Amino acid sequence: METQVKAFYRTPQGVKFVTIFGYATKGVPSLEINGAGKLSKNIKEKIIYLTRIRKLSVPLRRFVVCVDLNELKDQHVHSLKWLEFPLLLVYWYLCGLIPINKLDDCLCSGWLKTNGEIFHMQTPENLRSLMKQEFESGEKENLKLVGIEGAQMDDFYSIDTNLLLEHIPELKFKLDFFSDSTN
C-alpha cells in the first residue's frame, strides 16, 4: 500500500509546498520518517506516542513515510514543524485508521502536541495564487484542503479534520494564529 499528500509550510520567504509520500511492506514492523532532517526522529516518536496512547491498532508492517527532499526549499527547523500533521495523516492512512479513499488529492499543514492538540495554519490569503504557480492546472483544481472550520477555507473544497478524525479519541483541533505574522 502506498500514498502521498501535498503539504504546505510557512518560511520567512513565504509559503512553500512539498510532497509527503509513504508505503507499507511486509517487513520488520516499524515506522521510519525520512527527509525532515534533525526532526525526523522526534516526529517519529511523537507519532508513535500519539498512536499508542490512544490504543489505536496498527498492523504489523514496516511503514516508511518520506518528505520529498527535491521539493524541500527551506530547512529551518521552525518551518518543518508544519509537516508533522501531514506525516501523521499519511501514517494513519497506511495503517487503515482514516476513513478516506485516497490522500493523493489532499493538501494540508499542521503541527502536533503530545496531548493530542493538532494546530492548523490559518489558510494564507494568497494560497490560491501560490497553488497556480506551483501545481499543474488539473492538479490544483482537484486538491482538497484538509483543515478545520475557521481556517479561511471557503474558497476551497475542504475536508474538516474534526469529522475525518472524529473516531480517534482525545484529539483537539486548533488554529495557530501566531504563525500568521509571516507570508
Protein backbone atom coordinates (compact mmCIF):
# COMPACT_ATOMS: atom_id res chain seq x y z
CA MET A 1 0.00 0.00 0.00
CA GLU A 2 1.24 3.49 -0.80
CA THR A 3 0.01 7.07 -0.80
CA GLN A 4 1.10 10.67 -0.93
CA VAL A 5 -0.22 14.05 0.20
CA LYS A 6 0.72 17.62 -0.65
CA ALA A 7 1.76 19.73 2.33
CA PHE A 8 2.47 23.40 2.76
CA TYR A 9 4.57 25.16 5.35
CA ARG A 10 5.46 28.73 6.12
CA THR A 11 9.00 30.07 5.89
CA PRO A 12 10.45 33.57 6.25
CA GLN A 13 10.37 33.64 2.41
CA GLY A 14 6.67 32.70 2.23
CA VAL A 15 4.57 29.56 1.84
CA LYS A 16 6.27 26.52 0.29
CA PHE A 17 4.80 23.22 -0.93
CA VAL A 18 6.21 19.71 -0.57
CA THR A 19 5.06 16.16 -1.28
CA ILE A 20 4.97 13.64 1.54
CA PHE A 21 4.76 10.02 0.43
CA GLY A 22 4.71 6.69 2.17
CA TYR A 23 4.28 2.97 1.79
CA ALA A 24 3.77 -0.16 3.87
CA THR A 25 5.50 -3.51 3.32
CA LYS A 26 5.70 -6.92 4.92
CA GLY A 27 9.00 -6.17 6.61
CA VAL A 28 10.06 -5.98 10.23
CA PRO A 29 7.31 -3.92 11.96
CA SER A 30 8.49 -0.34 12.33
CA LEU A 31 7.93 3.29 11.39
CA GLU A 32 10.56 5.26 9.51
CA ILE A 33 10.31 9.02 8.92
CA ASN A 34 12.78 10.38 6.36
CA GLY A 35 13.52 13.81 4.97
CA ALA A 36 12.70 16.08 7.90
CA GLY A 37 16.33 16.39 8.93
CA LYS A 38 17.05 16.52 12.65
CA LEU A 39 13.32 16.47 13.39
CA SER A 40 12.69 13.06 11.77
CA LYS A 41 13.36 11.04 14.94
CA ASN A 42 11.38 13.43 17.16
CA ILE A 43 8.39 13.43 14.79
CA LYS A 44 8.51 9.62 14.54
CA GLU A 45 8.46 9.22 18.32
CA LYS A 46 5.66 11.78 18.68
CA ILE A 47 3.54 9.94 16.09
CA ILE A 48 4.17 6.57 17.77
CA TYR A 49 3.27 8.08 21.15
CA LEU A 50 0.05 9.67 19.86
CA THR A 51 -0.92 6.34 18.28
CA ARG A 52 -0.11 4.20 21.32
CA ILE A 53 -1.66 6.48 23.96
CA ARG A 54 -4.95 6.31 22.03
CA LYS A 55 -4.65 2.50 21.83
CA LEU A 56 -5.02 2.52 18.03
CA SER A 57 -4.49 -0.86 16.41
CA VAL A 58 -1.59 -0.74 13.97
CA PRO A 59 -0.91 -3.63 11.55
CA LEU A 60 2.40 -5.43 11.96
CA ARG A 61 4.08 -3.92 8.92
CA ARG A 62 7.04 -1.75 8.05
CA PHE A 63 5.85 1.83 7.39
CA VAL A 64 8.06 4.34 5.60
CA VAL A 65 6.96 7.98 5.36
CA CYS A 66 9.17 10.47 3.48
CA VAL A 67 9.37 14.16 2.70
CA ASP A 68 10.40 14.67 -0.93
CA LEU A 69 13.80 16.33 -0.48
CA ASN A 70 13.82 17.54 -4.08
CA GLU A 71 10.89 19.83 -3.24
CA LEU A 72 12.14 20.96 0.17
CA LYS A 73 13.37 24.52 -0.34
CA ASP A 74 13.89 25.58 3.25
CA GLN A 75 15.20 23.50 6.08
CA HIS A 76 14.71 25.80 9.04
CA VAL A 77 13.65 23.62 11.96
CA HIS A 78 10.84 26.01 12.86
CA SER A 79 9.35 25.74 9.37
CA LEU A 80 9.40 21.94 9.23
CA LYS A 81 7.14 21.61 12.28
CA TRP A 82 4.24 22.27 9.88
CA LEU A 83 4.89 18.87 8.29
CA GLU A 84 4.05 16.91 11.47
CA PHE A 85 0.30 16.65 10.78
CA PRO A 86 0.72 15.59 7.12
CA LEU A 87 3.24 12.94 8.23
CA LEU A 88 0.77 11.68 10.87
CA LEU A 89 -2.03 11.66 8.33
CA VAL A 90 -0.01 9.55 5.87
CA TYR A 91 0.98 7.10 8.61
CA TRP A 92 -2.57 6.69 9.95
CA TYR A 93 -3.86 6.30 6.38
CA LEU A 94 -1.35 3.50 5.70
CA CYS A 95 -2.44 1.84 8.96
CA GLY A 96 -6.07 1.90 7.80
CA LEU A 97 -7.12 4.24 10.61
CA ILE A 98 -8.61 7.01 8.45
CA PRO A 99 -11.91 6.57 6.59
CA ILE A 100 -10.85 8.15 3.32
CA ASN A 101 -10.31 6.51 -0.08
CA LYS A 102 -7.19 8.44 -1.01
CA LEU A 103 -4.93 11.25 0.15
CA ASP A 104 -3.30 11.90 -3.23
CA ASP A 105 -5.63 14.81 -3.91
CA CYS A 106 -5.29 16.47 -0.49
CA LEU A 107 -3.32 19.47 0.76
CA CYS A 108 -2.65 20.05 4.46
CA SER A 109 -0.40 21.57 7.07
CA GLY A 110 -0.12 21.38 10.84
CA TRP A 111 1.91 20.55 13.89
CA LEU A 112 1.22 18.30 16.87
CA LYS A 113 1.45 18.33 20.64
CA THR A 114 1.72 15.08 22.58
CA ASN A 115 -1.51 15.86 24.46
CA GLY A 116 -3.45 15.41 21.20
CA GLU A 117 -3.72 19.03 20.11
CA ILE A 118 -3.32 19.48 16.38
CA PHE A 119 -2.59 23.02 15.22
CA HIS A 120 -3.54 24.02 11.69
CA MET A 121 -2.19 27.07 9.94
CA GLN A 122 -4.60 29.87 9.14
CA THR A 123 -5.03 29.48 5.38
CA PRO A 124 -2.87 32.16 3.71
CA GLU A 125 -4.93 34.65 1.70
CA ASN A 126 -2.71 34.13 -1.34
CA LEU A 127 -2.80 30.31 -1.22
CA ARG A 128 -4.87 30.04 -4.41
CA SER A 129 -2.36 32.16 -6.42
CA LEU A 130 0.59 30.25 -4.93
CA MET A 131 -1.04 26.98 -5.98
CA LYS A 132 -1.44 28.29 -9.55
CA GLN A 133 2.32 28.88 -9.68
CA GLU A 134 3.23 25.54 -8.09
CA PHE A 135 0.83 22.93 -9.49
CA GLU A 136 -0.34 21.87 -12.93
CA SER A 137 -3.83 23.08 -13.87
CA GLY A 138 -5.67 19.76 -13.41
CA GLU A 139 -3.90 19.02 -10.15
CA LYS A 140 -4.63 22.35 -8.43
CA GLU A 141 -8.36 22.27 -9.21
CA ASN A 142 -8.76 18.84 -7.63
CA LEU A 143 -6.85 19.48 -4.41
CA LYS A 144 -8.89 19.30 -1.22
CA LEU A 145 -7.72 21.35 1.75
CA VAL A 146 -7.63 19.33 4.97
CA GLY A 147 -8.12 21.62 7.95
CA ILE A 148 -10.61 22.97 10.45
CA GLU A 149 -13.56 25.30 10.24
CA GLY A 150 -12.50 28.91 10.66
CA ALA A 151 -9.24 28.48 8.77
CA GLN A 152 -10.48 30.60 5.81
CA MET A 153 -11.11 27.55 3.64
CA ASP A 154 -14.23 28.98 1.94
CA ASP A 155 -12.50 29.23 -1.43
CA PHE A 156 -11.50 25.54 -1.39
CA TYR A 157 -13.15 22.17 -1.43
CA SER A 158 -12.26 21.09 2.08
CA ILE A 159 -12.21 18.14 4.45
CA ASP A 160 -12.78 19.03 8.10
CA THR A 161 -10.30 17.21 10.36
CA ASN A 162 -12.88 17.22 13.17
CA LEU A 163 -15.03 14.93 11.01
CA LEU A 164 -12.20 12.98 9.36
CA LEU A 165 -10.66 12.02 12.71
CA GLU A 166 -13.75 12.10 14.95
CA HIS A 167 -13.42 8.37 15.69
CA ILE A 168 -9.95 8.82 17.21
CA PRO A 169 -10.22 9.71 20.90
CA GLU A 170 -8.84 12.79 22.62
CA LEU A 171 -7.83 14.91 19.64
CA LYS A 172 -8.35 18.67 19.69
CA PHE A 173 -8.01 20.85 16.59
CA LYS A 174 -6.89 24.46 16.82
CA LEU A 175 -5.68 27.31 14.64
CA ASP A 176 -2.18 28.64 15.16
CA PHE A 177 -2.66 32.39 14.80
CA PHE A 178 0.88 33.23 15.88
CA SER A 179 2.31 31.94 12.59
CA ASP A 180 0.22 34.45 10.61
CA SER A 181 2.83 37.21 11.00
CA THR A 182 4.86 36.00 8.01
CA ASN A 183 3.72 35.23 4.49
